[in-house]
N, C-alpha and C. Protein backbone atom coordinates (compact mmCIF):
# COMPACT_ATOMS: atom_id res chain seq x y z
N MET A 1 2.44 15.75 11.88
CA MET A 1 1.50 16.44 10.96
C MET A 1 0.96 15.34 9.97
N CYS A 2 -0.27 15.46 9.59
CA CYS A 2 -0.87 14.68 8.58
C CYS A 2 -1.90 15.58 7.81
N PHE A 3 -1.67 15.59 6.50
CA PHE A 3 -2.49 16.34 5.55
C PHE A 3 -3.40 15.38 4.74
N PHE A 4 -4.67 15.54 4.78
CA PHE A 4 -5.53 14.62 4.04
C PHE A 4 -5.87 15.25 2.66
N THR A 5 -5.73 14.61 1.65
CA THR A 5 -6.10 15.05 0.38
C THR A 5 -7.59 14.77 0.08
N HIS A 6 -8.16 13.67 0.67
CA HIS A 6 -9.57 13.27 0.60
C HIS A 6 -9.75 12.18 1.57
N PHE A 7 -11.02 11.72 1.54
CA PHE A 7 -11.37 10.66 2.64
C PHE A 7 -11.84 9.28 2.03
N HIS A 8 -11.39 9.03 0.81
CA HIS A 8 -11.81 7.63 0.37
C HIS A 8 -11.05 6.67 1.17
N TRP A 9 -11.68 5.52 1.31
CA TRP A 9 -11.15 4.49 2.34
C TRP A 9 -9.74 4.07 2.12
N ASP A 10 -9.34 3.99 0.85
CA ASP A 10 -7.85 3.45 0.48
C ASP A 10 -6.97 4.62 0.98
N HIS A 11 -7.39 5.80 1.37
CA HIS A 11 -6.42 6.83 1.86
C HIS A 11 -6.50 6.96 3.45
N ILE A 12 -7.49 6.47 4.05
CA ILE A 12 -7.53 6.69 5.57
C ILE A 12 -7.62 5.28 6.40
N GLN A 13 -7.76 4.20 5.71
CA GLN A 13 -7.92 3.05 6.45
C GLN A 13 -6.68 2.58 7.26
N GLY A 14 -5.51 3.17 6.99
CA GLY A 14 -4.28 2.87 7.66
C GLY A 14 -4.15 3.66 9.04
N LEU A 15 -5.07 4.59 9.16
CA LEU A 15 -4.83 5.46 10.41
C LEU A 15 -5.06 4.56 11.67
N PRO A 16 -6.14 3.75 11.90
CA PRO A 16 -6.28 2.93 13.02
C PRO A 16 -5.04 1.92 13.39
N PHE A 17 -4.21 1.75 12.42
CA PHE A 17 -3.06 0.93 12.53
C PHE A 17 -1.74 1.75 12.78
N PHE A 18 -1.86 2.95 12.96
CA PHE A 18 -0.61 3.85 13.02
C PHE A 18 -0.24 3.80 14.52
N ILE A 19 0.79 2.98 14.79
CA ILE A 19 1.18 2.73 16.11
C ILE A 19 1.45 4.12 17.01
N PRO A 20 2.28 5.03 16.39
CA PRO A 20 2.51 6.19 17.15
C PRO A 20 1.26 6.83 17.79
N ALA A 21 0.19 6.66 17.16
CA ALA A 21 -1.12 7.35 17.56
C ALA A 21 -1.68 6.68 18.92
N TYR A 22 -0.98 5.69 19.33
CA TYR A 22 -1.45 5.08 20.63
C TYR A 22 -0.54 5.49 21.86
N PHE A 23 0.47 6.39 21.66
CA PHE A 23 1.27 6.85 22.61
C PHE A 23 0.96 8.17 23.17
N PRO A 24 0.63 8.33 24.57
CA PRO A 24 0.07 9.62 24.92
C PRO A 24 1.23 10.87 24.80
N ASN A 25 2.43 10.47 24.65
CA ASN A 25 3.50 11.55 24.59
C ASN A 25 3.56 12.01 23.10
N ILE A 26 2.83 11.46 22.21
CA ILE A 26 2.83 11.84 20.72
C ILE A 26 1.77 12.85 20.42
N GLU A 27 2.15 13.94 19.71
CA GLU A 27 1.08 14.87 19.24
C GLU A 27 0.90 14.77 17.79
N ILE A 28 -0.28 14.68 17.19
CA ILE A 28 -0.54 14.58 15.82
C ILE A 28 -1.49 15.69 15.41
N VAL A 29 -0.99 16.60 14.47
CA VAL A 29 -2.08 17.63 13.87
C VAL A 29 -2.52 17.14 12.64
N PHE A 30 -3.87 17.10 12.49
CA PHE A 30 -4.47 16.63 11.19
C PHE A 30 -4.96 17.86 10.44
N TYR A 31 -4.76 18.01 9.15
CA TYR A 31 -5.06 19.02 8.35
C TYR A 31 -6.00 18.58 7.13
N SER A 32 -7.06 19.36 6.93
CA SER A 32 -7.83 18.96 5.76
C SER A 32 -8.68 20.19 5.30
N THR A 33 -8.96 20.27 3.99
CA THR A 33 -9.87 21.31 3.53
C THR A 33 -11.34 21.11 3.83
N ILE A 34 -11.74 19.92 4.24
CA ILE A 34 -13.11 19.49 4.51
C ILE A 34 -13.52 19.93 5.89
N GLU A 35 -14.70 20.54 5.89
CA GLU A 35 -15.30 21.11 7.20
C GLU A 35 -15.69 19.87 7.95
N ASN A 36 -15.25 20.04 9.29
CA ASN A 36 -15.74 19.01 10.28
C ASN A 36 -15.19 17.63 9.91
N PHE A 37 -13.95 17.52 9.42
CA PHE A 37 -13.52 16.29 8.82
C PHE A 37 -13.31 15.15 10.01
N LYS A 38 -13.09 15.66 11.21
CA LYS A 38 -12.89 14.81 12.33
C LYS A 38 -14.06 13.77 12.46
N LYS A 39 -15.18 14.11 12.13
CA LYS A 39 -16.41 13.21 12.14
C LYS A 39 -16.21 12.04 11.17
N ILE A 40 -15.64 12.37 10.07
CA ILE A 40 -15.38 11.30 9.13
C ILE A 40 -14.36 10.15 9.71
N LEU A 41 -13.34 10.73 10.37
CA LEU A 41 -12.45 9.81 11.12
C LEU A 41 -12.96 8.96 12.22
N VAL A 42 -13.86 9.68 13.01
CA VAL A 42 -14.63 9.11 14.06
C VAL A 42 -15.41 7.96 13.45
N ASN A 43 -16.27 8.20 12.47
CA ASN A 43 -17.21 7.17 11.92
C ASN A 43 -16.38 6.04 11.39
N GLN A 44 -15.19 6.16 10.88
CA GLN A 44 -14.42 5.09 10.34
C GLN A 44 -14.29 4.08 11.38
N GLN A 45 -13.95 4.55 12.62
CA GLN A 45 -13.57 3.48 13.71
C GLN A 45 -14.84 3.41 14.65
N ASN A 46 -16.03 3.19 13.99
CA ASN A 46 -17.18 2.69 14.78
C ASN A 46 -17.05 1.15 15.08
N PHE A 47 -17.90 0.80 16.02
CA PHE A 47 -17.74 -0.60 16.60
C PHE A 47 -17.83 -1.76 15.53
N HIS A 48 -18.46 -1.31 14.39
CA HIS A 48 -18.57 -2.31 13.32
C HIS A 48 -17.26 -2.52 12.61
N ASN A 49 -16.44 -1.57 12.56
CA ASN A 49 -15.26 -1.55 11.73
C ASN A 49 -14.01 -1.80 12.53
N PHE A 50 -14.11 -1.42 13.76
CA PHE A 50 -12.63 -1.40 14.52
C PHE A 50 -12.90 -1.41 15.97
N PRO A 51 -12.13 -2.22 16.77
CA PRO A 51 -12.32 -2.27 18.28
C PRO A 51 -12.06 -1.06 19.01
N LYS A 52 -11.31 -0.08 18.37
CA LYS A 52 -10.82 1.01 19.22
C LYS A 52 -11.30 2.31 18.52
N LYS A 53 -11.98 3.06 19.31
CA LYS A 53 -12.50 4.38 18.69
C LYS A 53 -11.28 5.41 18.47
N LEU A 54 -11.56 6.35 17.72
CA LEU A 54 -10.47 7.36 17.59
C LEU A 54 -10.14 8.02 18.86
N SER A 55 -11.09 8.25 19.61
CA SER A 55 -10.87 8.87 21.06
C SER A 55 -9.98 7.90 21.85
N GLU A 56 -9.93 6.72 21.67
CA GLU A 56 -9.07 5.73 22.51
C GLU A 56 -7.70 5.62 22.01
N MET A 57 -7.31 6.23 20.88
CA MET A 57 -6.05 6.32 20.41
C MET A 57 -5.40 7.55 21.23
N SER A 58 -4.51 7.30 22.19
CA SER A 58 -4.19 8.21 23.27
C SER A 58 -3.37 9.26 22.89
N CYS A 59 -2.85 9.37 21.68
CA CYS A 59 -1.98 10.47 21.27
C CYS A 59 -2.84 11.85 21.45
N LYS A 60 -2.09 12.86 21.54
CA LYS A 60 -2.73 14.22 21.55
C LYS A 60 -3.11 14.56 20.13
N LYS A 61 -4.41 14.88 19.93
CA LYS A 61 -4.85 15.20 18.53
C LYS A 61 -5.46 16.54 18.35
N ASP A 62 -5.04 17.11 17.25
CA ASP A 62 -5.70 18.44 16.91
C ASP A 62 -6.11 18.43 15.37
N PHE A 63 -7.24 18.94 15.16
CA PHE A 63 -7.83 18.96 13.81
C PHE A 63 -7.98 20.31 13.27
N VAL A 64 -7.26 20.59 12.08
CA VAL A 64 -7.22 21.95 11.58
C VAL A 64 -7.79 22.05 10.19
N GLN A 65 -8.87 22.80 9.98
CA GLN A 65 -9.44 22.95 8.73
C GLN A 65 -8.63 24.04 7.79
N VAL A 66 -8.15 23.70 6.70
CA VAL A 66 -7.39 24.66 5.79
C VAL A 66 -8.37 25.09 4.91
N LYS A 67 -8.26 26.47 4.68
CA LYS A 67 -9.13 27.16 3.60
C LYS A 67 -8.35 27.28 2.36
N PRO A 68 -8.86 26.43 1.32
CA PRO A 68 -8.11 26.66 -0.02
C PRO A 68 -8.10 28.09 -0.52
N GLY A 69 -7.01 28.40 -1.15
CA GLY A 69 -6.68 29.83 -1.65
C GLY A 69 -6.03 30.69 -0.43
N THR A 70 -5.80 30.08 0.68
CA THR A 70 -5.00 30.81 1.75
C THR A 70 -3.83 30.01 2.12
N SER A 71 -2.85 30.57 2.76
CA SER A 71 -1.65 29.94 3.15
C SER A 71 -1.45 29.77 4.56
N ILE A 72 -0.95 28.72 5.01
CA ILE A 72 -0.61 28.47 6.38
C ILE A 72 0.82 28.31 6.56
N GLN A 73 1.52 28.69 7.78
CA GLN A 73 2.81 28.59 8.00
C GLN A 73 3.14 27.70 9.09
N ILE A 74 3.96 26.62 8.76
CA ILE A 74 4.45 25.80 9.77
C ILE A 74 6.00 25.80 9.91
N GLY A 75 6.53 26.45 10.87
CA GLY A 75 8.03 26.63 10.95
C GLY A 75 8.47 27.45 9.68
N ASP A 76 9.29 27.02 8.93
CA ASP A 76 9.78 27.75 7.79
C ASP A 76 9.09 27.36 6.45
N THR A 77 8.07 26.53 6.62
CA THR A 77 7.30 26.03 5.38
C THR A 77 6.05 26.67 5.28
N LYS A 78 5.78 27.23 4.05
CA LYS A 78 4.49 27.70 3.77
C LYS A 78 3.69 26.58 3.01
N ILE A 79 2.42 26.38 3.34
CA ILE A 79 1.51 25.37 2.69
C ILE A 79 0.42 26.10 2.10
N ASP A 80 0.26 25.67 0.78
CA ASP A 80 -1.06 26.24 0.00
C ASP A 80 -1.77 25.02 -0.39
N SER A 81 -3.07 25.13 -0.55
CA SER A 81 -3.95 23.99 -0.97
C SER A 81 -4.76 24.52 -2.15
N PHE A 82 -5.33 23.36 -2.92
CA PHE A 82 -5.78 23.81 -4.14
C PHE A 82 -6.87 22.54 -4.43
N PHE A 83 -8.10 22.88 -4.73
CA PHE A 83 -9.07 21.86 -5.07
C PHE A 83 -8.80 21.25 -6.43
N VAL A 84 -8.90 19.95 -6.49
CA VAL A 84 -8.69 19.14 -7.81
C VAL A 84 -9.87 18.37 -8.15
N ASN A 85 -9.90 17.80 -9.37
CA ASN A 85 -10.98 17.01 -9.82
C ASN A 85 -10.95 15.58 -9.48
N HIS A 86 -11.83 15.13 -8.39
CA HIS A 86 -11.84 13.75 -8.06
C HIS A 86 -13.23 13.60 -7.49
N PRO A 87 -13.89 12.56 -7.72
CA PRO A 87 -15.25 12.21 -7.06
C PRO A 87 -15.24 12.49 -5.54
N GLY A 88 -16.20 13.35 -5.17
CA GLY A 88 -16.23 13.82 -3.67
C GLY A 88 -15.38 14.86 -3.38
N SER A 89 -14.53 15.45 -4.37
CA SER A 89 -13.51 16.48 -4.21
C SER A 89 -12.17 16.00 -3.85
N GLY A 90 -11.11 16.59 -4.10
CA GLY A 90 -9.83 16.36 -3.69
C GLY A 90 -8.99 17.58 -3.48
N THR A 91 -7.90 17.46 -2.79
CA THR A 91 -7.08 18.60 -2.49
C THR A 91 -5.63 18.32 -2.86
N ALA A 92 -4.94 19.24 -3.54
CA ALA A 92 -3.55 19.21 -3.75
C ALA A 92 -2.93 20.12 -2.75
N TYR A 93 -1.61 19.81 -2.28
CA TYR A 93 -0.94 20.70 -1.36
C TYR A 93 0.45 21.04 -2.02
N LYS A 94 0.75 22.33 -1.81
CA LYS A 94 2.09 22.90 -2.24
C LYS A 94 2.98 23.23 -1.03
N PHE A 95 4.19 22.77 -0.76
CA PHE A 95 4.96 23.03 0.36
C PHE A 95 6.18 23.90 -0.18
N THR A 96 6.34 25.08 0.32
CA THR A 96 7.34 25.95 -0.01
C THR A 96 8.30 26.24 1.00
N GLU A 97 9.45 26.10 0.83
CA GLU A 97 10.53 26.45 1.84
C GLU A 97 11.86 26.86 1.22
N LYS A 98 12.30 28.08 1.55
CA LYS A 98 13.64 28.55 1.05
C LYS A 98 13.64 28.50 -0.60
N GLU A 99 12.40 28.94 -1.14
CA GLU A 99 12.18 29.07 -2.60
C GLU A 99 12.11 27.68 -3.35
N LYS A 100 12.06 26.58 -2.49
CA LYS A 100 11.95 25.31 -3.15
C LYS A 100 10.42 24.98 -2.98
N LYS A 101 9.84 24.35 -4.07
CA LYS A 101 8.41 24.17 -4.14
C LYS A 101 8.18 22.54 -4.29
N ILE A 102 7.44 22.01 -3.42
CA ILE A 102 6.98 20.63 -3.64
C ILE A 102 5.55 20.43 -3.65
N ILE A 103 5.03 19.73 -4.65
CA ILE A 103 3.46 19.58 -4.78
C ILE A 103 3.10 18.11 -4.76
N PHE A 104 2.12 17.85 -3.88
CA PHE A 104 1.54 16.52 -3.91
C PHE A 104 0.06 16.58 -4.30
N THR A 105 -0.39 15.98 -5.45
CA THR A 105 -1.72 16.14 -5.92
C THR A 105 -2.76 15.23 -5.19
N GLY A 106 -2.30 14.18 -4.62
CA GLY A 106 -3.39 13.15 -4.22
C GLY A 106 -4.11 12.52 -5.40
N ASP A 107 -5.25 12.15 -5.30
CA ASP A 107 -6.05 11.59 -6.45
C ASP A 107 -6.62 12.72 -7.36
N VAL A 108 -6.37 12.64 -8.59
CA VAL A 108 -7.01 13.81 -9.31
C VAL A 108 -7.06 13.28 -10.84
N GLU A 109 -8.06 13.76 -11.55
CA GLU A 109 -8.24 13.55 -12.93
C GLU A 109 -7.94 14.86 -13.70
N PHE A 110 -6.80 14.81 -14.40
CA PHE A 110 -6.49 16.06 -15.21
C PHE A 110 -6.95 15.55 -16.67
N THR A 111 -7.34 16.53 -17.45
CA THR A 111 -7.56 16.18 -18.86
C THR A 111 -6.87 17.08 -19.72
N GLU A 112 -7.00 16.81 -21.07
CA GLU A 112 -6.25 17.71 -22.01
C GLU A 112 -6.67 19.20 -21.99
N ASP A 113 -7.81 19.52 -21.59
CA ASP A 113 -8.36 20.93 -21.37
C ASP A 113 -7.46 21.65 -20.27
N ASP A 114 -6.98 20.89 -19.37
CA ASP A 114 -6.19 21.54 -18.34
C ASP A 114 -4.76 21.87 -18.64
N ILE A 115 -4.27 21.37 -19.71
CA ILE A 115 -2.85 21.63 -20.07
C ILE A 115 -2.52 23.12 -20.18
N ASP A 116 -3.33 23.85 -20.97
CA ASP A 116 -3.07 25.30 -21.20
C ASP A 116 -3.89 26.20 -20.30
N ASN A 117 -4.46 25.68 -19.30
CA ASN A 117 -5.32 26.44 -18.37
C ASN A 117 -4.50 27.18 -17.44
N ILE A 118 -3.55 27.97 -17.83
CA ILE A 118 -2.61 28.69 -16.89
C ILE A 118 -3.42 29.55 -15.89
N GLU A 119 -4.56 30.15 -16.29
CA GLU A 119 -5.19 31.03 -15.51
C GLU A 119 -5.64 30.23 -14.18
N LYS A 120 -6.06 29.06 -14.43
CA LYS A 120 -6.61 28.29 -13.34
C LYS A 120 -5.51 27.51 -12.48
N PHE A 121 -4.50 26.95 -13.14
CA PHE A 121 -3.62 26.09 -12.47
C PHE A 121 -2.20 26.77 -12.26
N GLY A 122 -1.88 27.83 -13.08
CA GLY A 122 -0.56 28.34 -13.14
C GLY A 122 0.17 28.82 -11.93
N ASN A 123 -0.54 29.59 -11.08
CA ASN A 123 0.07 30.09 -9.91
C ASN A 123 0.43 29.07 -8.93
N PHE A 124 -0.32 27.93 -8.95
CA PHE A 124 -0.14 26.86 -8.04
C PHE A 124 0.99 25.89 -8.55
N PHE A 125 0.93 25.49 -9.67
CA PHE A 125 1.72 24.32 -10.29
C PHE A 125 3.01 24.86 -10.88
N ASN A 126 2.95 26.06 -11.50
CA ASN A 126 4.17 26.39 -12.27
C ASN A 126 5.49 26.44 -11.59
N ASN A 127 6.54 25.98 -12.21
CA ASN A 127 7.95 26.00 -11.66
C ASN A 127 8.24 25.24 -10.46
N ALA A 128 7.36 24.21 -10.14
CA ALA A 128 7.66 23.45 -8.94
C ALA A 128 8.94 22.62 -9.19
N ASP A 129 9.73 22.50 -8.11
CA ASP A 129 10.87 21.73 -8.21
C ASP A 129 10.71 20.26 -8.13
N LEU A 130 9.54 19.93 -7.47
CA LEU A 130 9.23 18.46 -7.33
C LEU A 130 7.74 18.39 -7.33
N ALA A 131 7.11 17.46 -8.03
CA ALA A 131 5.72 17.28 -8.02
C ALA A 131 5.42 15.77 -8.03
N ILE A 132 4.51 15.31 -7.23
CA ILE A 132 4.10 13.87 -7.06
C ILE A 132 2.63 13.89 -7.58
N PHE A 133 2.48 13.20 -8.67
CA PHE A 133 1.29 13.24 -9.36
C PHE A 133 0.54 11.80 -9.46
N ASP A 134 -0.64 11.91 -9.25
CA ASP A 134 -1.57 10.63 -9.61
C ASP A 134 -1.20 10.21 -11.17
N SER A 135 -0.86 9.08 -11.31
CA SER A 135 -0.62 8.48 -12.49
C SER A 135 -1.09 7.14 -12.80
N GLN A 136 -2.41 6.90 -12.49
CA GLN A 136 -2.91 5.45 -12.31
C GLN A 136 -3.01 4.76 -13.59
N TYR A 137 -3.24 5.46 -14.82
CA TYR A 137 -3.42 4.74 -15.88
C TYR A 137 -2.40 4.91 -17.06
N THR A 138 -2.47 4.08 -18.14
CA THR A 138 -1.96 4.36 -19.33
C THR A 138 -2.93 5.25 -20.03
N LEU A 139 -2.52 5.81 -21.25
CA LEU A 139 -3.37 6.70 -22.00
C LEU A 139 -4.69 5.97 -22.44
N GLU A 140 -4.46 4.75 -22.90
CA GLU A 140 -5.60 3.92 -23.50
C GLU A 140 -6.53 3.65 -22.18
N GLU A 141 -6.08 3.29 -21.23
CA GLU A 141 -7.00 2.97 -20.08
C GLU A 141 -7.68 4.31 -19.57
N SER A 142 -7.14 5.38 -19.63
CA SER A 142 -7.72 6.65 -19.25
C SER A 142 -8.97 6.90 -20.13
N PHE A 143 -8.98 6.53 -21.49
CA PHE A 143 -10.14 6.65 -22.26
C PHE A 143 -11.25 5.72 -21.80
N ILE A 144 -10.87 4.65 -21.46
CA ILE A 144 -11.96 3.67 -21.01
C ILE A 144 -12.62 4.07 -19.68
N LYS A 145 -11.68 4.65 -18.77
CA LYS A 145 -12.09 4.93 -17.32
C LYS A 145 -12.28 6.45 -17.21
N PHE A 146 -12.67 7.10 -18.25
CA PHE A 146 -12.88 8.63 -18.23
C PHE A 146 -13.84 8.86 -17.04
N ASP A 147 -13.58 9.99 -16.29
CA ASP A 147 -14.45 10.43 -15.18
C ASP A 147 -14.36 9.45 -13.97
N TRP A 148 -13.28 8.65 -13.77
CA TRP A 148 -13.18 7.75 -12.63
C TRP A 148 -12.36 8.58 -11.69
N GLY A 149 -11.80 9.79 -12.01
CA GLY A 149 -11.07 10.49 -11.02
C GLY A 149 -9.52 10.37 -10.96
N HIS A 150 -9.08 9.75 -12.01
CA HIS A 150 -7.51 9.60 -11.99
C HIS A 150 -6.90 10.00 -13.37
N THR A 151 -5.54 10.04 -13.39
CA THR A 151 -4.81 10.69 -14.52
C THR A 151 -3.95 9.59 -15.13
N SER A 152 -3.66 9.56 -16.48
CA SER A 152 -2.68 8.68 -17.12
C SER A 152 -1.32 9.32 -16.87
N TYR A 153 -0.31 8.43 -17.02
CA TYR A 153 1.09 8.85 -16.77
C TYR A 153 1.44 9.83 -17.89
N ASN A 154 0.89 9.66 -19.13
CA ASN A 154 1.22 10.52 -20.29
C ASN A 154 0.74 12.00 -20.05
N MET A 155 -0.59 12.01 -19.48
CA MET A 155 -1.07 13.42 -19.16
C MET A 155 -0.33 14.04 -18.03
N ALA A 156 0.06 13.30 -17.06
CA ALA A 156 0.89 13.83 -15.94
C ALA A 156 2.16 14.49 -16.47
N ILE A 157 2.85 13.67 -17.50
CA ILE A 157 4.02 14.35 -18.11
C ILE A 157 3.76 15.51 -18.88
N ASN A 158 2.74 15.49 -19.74
CA ASN A 158 2.35 16.56 -20.49
C ASN A 158 2.14 17.87 -19.71
N LEU A 159 1.45 17.71 -18.52
CA LEU A 159 1.28 18.78 -17.58
C LEU A 159 2.46 19.35 -17.05
N ALA A 160 3.31 18.38 -16.46
CA ALA A 160 4.47 18.85 -15.83
C ALA A 160 5.49 19.46 -16.89
N SER A 161 5.42 19.11 -18.18
CA SER A 161 6.29 19.76 -19.09
C SER A 161 5.75 21.15 -19.37
N ASN A 162 4.50 21.30 -19.51
CA ASN A 162 3.89 22.54 -19.78
C ASN A 162 4.03 23.53 -18.69
N TRP A 163 3.97 23.01 -17.41
CA TRP A 163 4.10 23.89 -16.26
C TRP A 163 5.56 23.99 -15.67
N ASN A 164 6.49 23.45 -16.43
CA ASN A 164 7.92 23.63 -16.09
C ASN A 164 8.24 23.01 -14.69
N ILE A 165 7.63 21.87 -14.43
CA ILE A 165 7.98 21.21 -13.21
C ILE A 165 9.32 20.46 -13.48
N LYS A 166 10.29 20.62 -12.58
CA LYS A 166 11.53 20.07 -12.78
C LYS A 166 11.73 18.60 -12.63
N LYS A 167 11.02 18.08 -11.57
CA LYS A 167 11.18 16.64 -11.32
C LYS A 167 9.64 16.08 -10.96
N LEU A 168 9.31 15.02 -11.59
CA LEU A 168 8.06 14.56 -11.61
C LEU A 168 8.02 13.05 -11.02
N VAL A 169 7.37 12.85 -10.00
CA VAL A 169 7.19 11.51 -9.31
C VAL A 169 5.90 10.84 -9.66
N LEU A 170 5.96 9.75 -10.40
CA LEU A 170 4.56 9.09 -10.78
C LEU A 170 4.17 8.14 -9.67
N THR A 171 2.90 8.20 -9.23
CA THR A 171 2.47 7.31 -8.20
C THR A 171 0.99 6.99 -8.39
N HIS A 172 0.43 6.19 -7.38
CA HIS A 172 -0.90 5.81 -7.46
C HIS A 172 -1.35 5.06 -8.58
N PHE A 173 -0.41 3.99 -8.82
CA PHE A 173 -0.76 3.10 -10.04
C PHE A 173 -1.86 2.25 -9.91
N ASP A 174 -2.47 1.77 -10.89
CA ASP A 174 -3.61 0.69 -10.80
C ASP A 174 -3.24 -0.41 -9.92
N PRO A 175 -4.04 -0.79 -8.95
CA PRO A 175 -3.55 -1.95 -8.07
C PRO A 175 -3.37 -3.26 -8.72
N THR A 176 -3.83 -3.40 -9.96
CA THR A 176 -3.61 -4.66 -10.69
C THR A 176 -2.23 -4.63 -11.27
N TYR A 177 -1.47 -3.53 -11.31
CA TYR A 177 -0.21 -3.55 -11.97
C TYR A 177 0.80 -4.38 -11.16
N SER A 178 1.72 -5.07 -11.90
CA SER A 178 2.82 -5.74 -11.07
C SER A 178 4.01 -4.85 -11.17
N ASP A 179 5.04 -5.15 -10.38
CA ASP A 179 6.19 -4.32 -10.30
C ASP A 179 6.83 -4.19 -11.65
N GLU A 180 6.79 -5.39 -12.52
CA GLU A 180 7.32 -5.33 -13.84
C GLU A 180 6.64 -4.33 -14.66
N LYS A 181 5.32 -4.29 -14.57
CA LYS A 181 4.44 -3.29 -15.42
C LYS A 181 4.72 -1.97 -14.98
N ILE A 182 4.98 -1.70 -13.74
CA ILE A 182 5.38 -0.30 -13.32
C ILE A 182 6.69 0.07 -13.82
N MET A 183 7.56 -0.82 -13.86
CA MET A 183 9.00 -0.46 -14.29
C MET A 183 8.98 -0.26 -15.86
N GLU A 184 8.01 -1.06 -16.52
CA GLU A 184 7.73 -0.89 -17.98
C GLU A 184 7.35 0.59 -18.19
N LEU A 185 6.40 1.05 -17.42
CA LEU A 185 5.76 2.37 -17.49
C LEU A 185 6.80 3.46 -17.41
N GLU A 186 7.73 3.19 -16.44
CA GLU A 186 8.81 4.24 -16.17
C GLU A 186 9.56 4.41 -17.45
N GLU A 187 9.92 3.23 -18.18
CA GLU A 187 10.61 3.38 -19.39
C GLU A 187 9.83 4.08 -20.56
N LEU A 188 8.57 3.78 -20.63
CA LEU A 188 7.68 4.45 -21.63
C LEU A 188 7.51 5.93 -21.22
N ALA A 189 7.53 6.36 -19.91
CA ALA A 189 7.41 7.67 -19.52
C ALA A 189 8.66 8.44 -19.96
N LYS A 190 9.82 7.96 -19.82
CA LYS A 190 11.09 8.51 -20.36
C LYS A 190 11.00 8.61 -21.84
N GLU A 191 10.44 7.70 -22.49
CA GLU A 191 10.46 7.74 -23.95
C GLU A 191 9.46 9.01 -24.41
N HIS A 192 8.33 9.11 -23.53
CA HIS A 192 7.44 10.12 -23.92
C HIS A 192 8.11 11.50 -23.68
N ILE A 193 8.96 11.71 -22.68
CA ILE A 193 9.55 12.88 -22.51
C ILE A 193 10.48 13.17 -23.71
N LYS A 194 11.11 12.27 -24.23
CA LYS A 194 11.97 12.46 -25.48
C LYS A 194 11.13 12.99 -26.58
N LEU A 195 9.95 12.41 -26.74
CA LEU A 195 9.05 12.82 -27.89
C LEU A 195 8.65 14.27 -27.80
N LEU A 196 8.44 14.80 -26.42
CA LEU A 196 8.15 16.03 -26.19
C LEU A 196 9.21 17.09 -26.50
N GLU A 197 10.49 16.50 -26.57
CA GLU A 197 11.68 17.33 -26.76
C GLU A 197 11.65 18.53 -25.59
N SER A 198 11.48 18.08 -24.39
CA SER A 198 11.34 18.98 -23.27
C SER A 198 12.45 18.78 -22.27
N LYS A 199 13.11 19.66 -21.95
CA LYS A 199 14.16 19.50 -20.76
C LYS A 199 13.56 19.00 -19.47
N ASN A 200 12.37 19.39 -19.18
CA ASN A 200 11.70 19.08 -17.98
C ASN A 200 10.40 18.32 -18.28
N PRO A 201 9.94 17.40 -17.41
CA PRO A 201 10.57 17.05 -16.16
C PRO A 201 11.44 15.93 -16.18
N ARG A 202 12.23 15.68 -15.15
CA ARG A 202 12.87 14.35 -15.08
C ARG A 202 11.86 13.44 -14.37
N VAL A 203 11.67 12.22 -14.75
CA VAL A 203 10.59 11.39 -14.36
C VAL A 203 11.14 10.22 -13.55
N ILE A 204 10.42 10.00 -12.37
CA ILE A 204 10.84 8.95 -11.42
C ILE A 204 9.49 8.20 -11.07
N VAL A 205 9.59 6.94 -10.89
CA VAL A 205 8.45 6.12 -10.39
C VAL A 205 8.57 6.03 -8.89
N ALA A 206 7.48 6.23 -8.10
CA ALA A 206 7.58 6.19 -6.69
C ALA A 206 7.68 4.71 -6.29
N TYR A 207 8.29 4.47 -5.16
CA TYR A 207 8.39 3.21 -4.54
C TYR A 207 8.62 3.30 -3.10
N GLU A 208 8.25 2.39 -2.24
CA GLU A 208 8.43 2.36 -0.79
C GLU A 208 9.70 2.70 -0.38
N GLY A 209 10.00 3.78 0.49
CA GLY A 209 11.34 4.11 0.95
C GLY A 209 11.92 5.01 0.08
N LEU A 210 11.49 5.53 -0.99
CA LEU A 210 12.10 6.50 -1.91
C LEU A 210 12.47 7.74 -1.10
N LYS A 211 13.62 8.24 -1.32
CA LYS A 211 13.97 9.58 -0.72
C LYS A 211 14.71 10.40 -1.82
N LEU A 212 14.21 11.64 -1.75
CA LEU A 212 14.69 12.57 -2.82
C LEU A 212 15.16 13.80 -2.22
N LYS A 213 16.17 14.48 -2.83
CA LYS A 213 16.78 15.68 -2.31
C LYS A 213 16.23 16.85 -3.32
N VAL A 214 15.62 17.86 -2.75
CA VAL A 214 15.16 18.94 -3.53
C VAL A 214 16.14 20.09 -3.51
């Protein structure tokens, strides 16, 4: 299964290099809220960009459009989707199983006006056990890059605290950041939690290979 939050190139360019997609005994179901999104993936692999067409990736493929505001069920897991603010639109997903809730926002720009907007965000985000949030900028950078479609780590923490999210994973950092910079941001994020005097969330910085128990 593969859920697309949106189709900017930094999020889909890895698909042609996904080795399991070249095995005929593999089945992959692709999900998106975008109508006819298969065409976007087909166009990415035109002859100017890649030697193999999407149709030449020999795995079995199915393309399912998800309607925001409705739920789908896969095994024991219920999946809900929610449109978020990002250029060209973006989609957050919530996965619920045995009363445990995990949210992945993808790319999103949250602002101060969103913090208390329980009417809009509450039913989707409130009381999640784990949320993975776009945290591309520092607060200062977010002022300079307003309307670029991303969120500061400070805002992500403020939202998670207000929405009673238990564990927050910060991700999608600015590509210019070094590992040292990201580790520094993790410490600053923990200090920010202390200033809020909030018991939630516990803050973690995402890294390759990270595994979390919910």
